[in-house]
C-alpha atoms as a PDB file:
ATOM      1  CA  MET A   1      19.525 -23.781  -6.643  1.00  0.00           C
ATOM      2  CA  VAL A   2      18.714 -23.673  -2.933  1.00  0.00           C
ATOM      3  CA  GLU A   3      19.750 -20.010  -2.756  1.00  0.00           C
ATOM      4  CA  PHE A   4      17.383 -19.162  -5.615  1.00  0.00           C
ATOM      5  CA  ILE A   5      14.449 -20.808  -3.834  1.00  0.00           C
ATOM      6  CA  TYR A   6      15.367 -19.038  -0.587  1.00  0.00           C
ATOM      7  CA  GLU A   7      15.543 -15.649  -2.331  1.00  0.00           C
ATOM      8  CA  ARG A   8      12.182 -16.235  -4.006  1.00  0.00           C
ATOM      9  CA  LYS A   9      10.556 -17.087  -0.659  1.00  0.00           C
ATOM     10  CA  LYS A  10      12.158 -14.013   0.877  1.00  0.00           C
ATOM     11  CA  LYS A  11      10.791 -11.782  -1.905  1.00  0.00           C
ATOM     12  CA  LYS A  12       7.308 -13.264  -1.486  1.00  0.00           C
ATOM     13  CA  LYS A  13       7.444 -12.617   2.252  1.00  0.00           C
ATOM     14  CA  LYS A  14       8.460  -8.988   1.686  1.00  0.00           C
ATOM     15  CA  LEU A  15       5.672  -8.546  -0.849  1.00  0.00           C
ATOM     16  CA  LYS A  16       3.144  -9.933   1.641  1.00  0.00           C
ATOM     17  CA  ILE A  17       4.273  -7.396   4.238  1.00  0.00           C
ATOM     18  CA  TYR A  18       3.952  -4.610   1.673  1.00  0.00           C
ATOM     19  CA  LEU A  19       0.480  -5.858   0.751  1.00  0.00           C
ATOM     20  CA  ILE A  20      -0.632  -5.869   4.384  1.00  0.00           C
ATOM     21  CA  LEU A  21       0.594  -2.302   4.857  1.00  0.00           C
ATOM     22  CA  PHE A  22      -0.956  -1.298   1.531  1.00  0.00           C
ATOM     23  CA  SER A  23      -4.301  -2.759   2.628  1.00  0.00           C
ATOM     24  CA  LEU A  24      -4.126  -0.822   5.870  1.00  0.00           C
ATOM     25  CA  PHE A  25      -3.490   2.422   4.016  1.00  0.00           C
ATOM     26  CA  VAL A  26      -6.342   1.717   1.596  1.00  0.00           C
ATOM     27  CA  VAL A  27      -8.765   1.265   4.474  1.00  0.00           C
ATOM     28  CA  VAL A  28      -7.588   4.476   6.157  1.00  0.00           C
ATOM     29  CA  ASN A  29      -7.718   6.413   2.889  1.00  0.00           C
ATOM     30  CA  SER A  30     -11.187   5.199   1.915  1.00  0.00           C
ATOM     31  CA  THR A  31     -12.510   5.761   5.428  1.00  0.00           C
ATOM     32  CA  SER A  32     -11.274   9.336   5.451  1.00  0.00           C
ATOM     33  CA  PHE A  33     -13.085   9.997   2.158  1.00  0.00           C
ATOM     34  CA  ILE A  34     -16.287   8.446   3.509  1.00  0.00           C
ATOM     35  CA  ILE A  35     -16.122  10.506   6.712  1.00  0.00           C
ATOM     36  CA  ARG A  36     -15.817  13.690   4.640  1.00  0.00           C
ATOM     37  CA  GLY A  37     -18.779  12.617   2.522  1.00  0.00           C
ATOM     38  CA  GLU A  38     -16.819  12.151  -0.703  1.00  0.00           C
ATOM     39  CA  TYR A  39     -18.442   8.851  -1.670  1.00  0.00           C
ATOM     40  CA  PRO A  40     -17.576   8.820  -5.408  1.00  0.00           C
ATOM     41  CA  ARG A  41     -13.942   9.573  -4.611  1.00  0.00           C
ATOM     42  CA  ALA A  42     -13.870   6.854  -1.948  1.00  0.00           C
ATOM     43  CA  LEU A  43     -15.380   4.323  -4.347  1.00  0.00           C
ATOM     44  CA  SER A  44     -13.031   5.166  -7.217  1.00  0.00           C
ATOM     45  CA  SER A  45     -10.021   5.114  -4.879  1.00  0.00           C
ATOM     46  CA  PHE A  46     -11.047   1.760  -3.443  1.00  0.00           C
ATOM     47  CA  MET A  47     -11.602   0.279  -6.919  1.00  0.00           C
ATOM     48  CA  LEU A  48      -8.224   1.506  -8.189  1.00  0.00           C
ATOM     49  CA  PHE A  49      -6.427   0.148  -5.132  1.00  0.00           C
ATOM     50  CA  SER A  50      -8.307  -3.141  -5.483  1.00  0.00           C
ATOM     51  CA  ILE A  51      -7.146  -3.534  -9.071  1.00  0.00           C
ATOM     52  CA  VAL A  52      -3.522  -2.856  -8.114  1.00  0.00           C
ATOM     53  CA  PHE A  53      -3.856  -5.239  -5.152  1.00  0.00           C
ATOM     54  CA  TYR A  54      -5.262  -8.001  -7.382  1.00  0.00           C
ATOM     55  CA  PHE A  55      -2.439  -7.717  -9.896  1.00  0.00           C
ATOM     56  CA  SER A  56       0.183  -7.582  -7.179  1.00  0.00           C
ATOM     57  CA  LEU A  57      -1.180 -10.859  -5.826  1.00  0.00           C
ATOM     58  CA  LYS A  58      -0.647 -12.263  -9.321  1.00  0.00           C
ATOM     59  CA  GLU A  59       2.976 -11.089  -8.916  1.00  0.00           C
ATOM     60  CA  LYS A  60       2.937  -8.550 -11.725  1.00  0.00           C
ATOM     61  CA  TYR A  61       6.072  -6.447 -11.546  1.00  0.00           C
ATOM     62  CA  TRP A  62       4.392  -3.101 -12.242  1.00  0.00           C
ATOM     63  CA  ALA A  63       1.744  -3.669  -9.573  1.00  0.00           C
ATOM     64  CA  ALA A  64       4.336  -4.650  -6.976  1.00  0.00           C
ATOM     65  CA  LEU A  65       6.252  -1.486  -7.819  1.00  0.00           C
ATOM     66  CA  ILE A  66       3.137   0.637  -7.307  1.00  0.00           C
ATOM     67  CA  VAL A  67       2.418  -1.083  -3.985  1.00  0.00           C
ATOM     68  CA  LYS A  68       5.962  -0.572  -2.729  1.00  0.00           C
ATOM     69  CA  GLY A  69       5.992   3.042  -3.891  1.00  0.00           C
ATOM     70  CA  MET A  70       2.679   3.820  -2.221  1.00  0.00           C
ATOM     71  CA  VAL A  71       3.733   2.198   1.056  1.00  0.00           C
ATOM     72  CA  TRP A  72       6.945   4.221   1.132  1.00  0.00           C
ATOM     73  CA  LEU A  73       5.068   7.379   0.183  1.00  0.00           C
ATOM     74  CA  TYR A  74       2.562   6.871   3.006  1.00  0.00           C
ATOM     75  CA  ALA A  75       5.392   6.119   5.449  1.00  0.00           C
ATOM     76  CA  ILE A  76       7.217   9.330   4.513  1.00  0.00           C
ATOM     77  CA  VAL A  77       4.020  11.369   4.830  1.00  0.00           C
ATOM     78  CA  LEU A  78       3.329   9.781   8.217  1.00  0.00           C
ATOM     79  CA  VAL A  79       6.816  10.703   9.466  1.00  0.00           C
ATOM     80  CA  ILE A  80       6.393  14.284   8.197  1.00  0.00           C
ATOM     81  CA  MET A  81       3.012  14.566   9.925  1.00  0.00           C
ATOM     82  CA  ILE A  82       4.489  13.321  13.221  1.00  0.00           C
ATOM     83  CA  VAL A  83       7.401  15.779  12.984  1.00  0.00           C
ATOM     84  CA  VAL A  84       5.059  18.685  12.243  1.00  0.00           C
ATOM     85  CA  LEU A  85       2.774  17.757  15.132  1.00  0.00           C
ATOM     86  CA  LEU A  86       5.719  17.497  17.512  1.00  0.00           C
ATOM     87  CA  LEU A  87       7.102  20.872  16.447  1.00  0.00           C
ATOM     88  CA  GLN A  88       3.862  22.721  17.062  1.00  0.00           C
END
């Protein structure tokens, strides 16, 4: 019983870290759209991310999967960008 509670707390902590990273990426993504003058795209992107964020706070499995997938996708893209910049 104690192990189950510990695992649940551990999963919640991991999800919170993913949500913090996801929020950071949302801000960067929306800001880049605003800088380029693509206001409708920035608004629609922000709304979609907000919906996913809301449902992931409600601990919906599909939303948590999307959040984790997007965080990993952004991390991979960031590593690729760093490698390309270093090789130039």
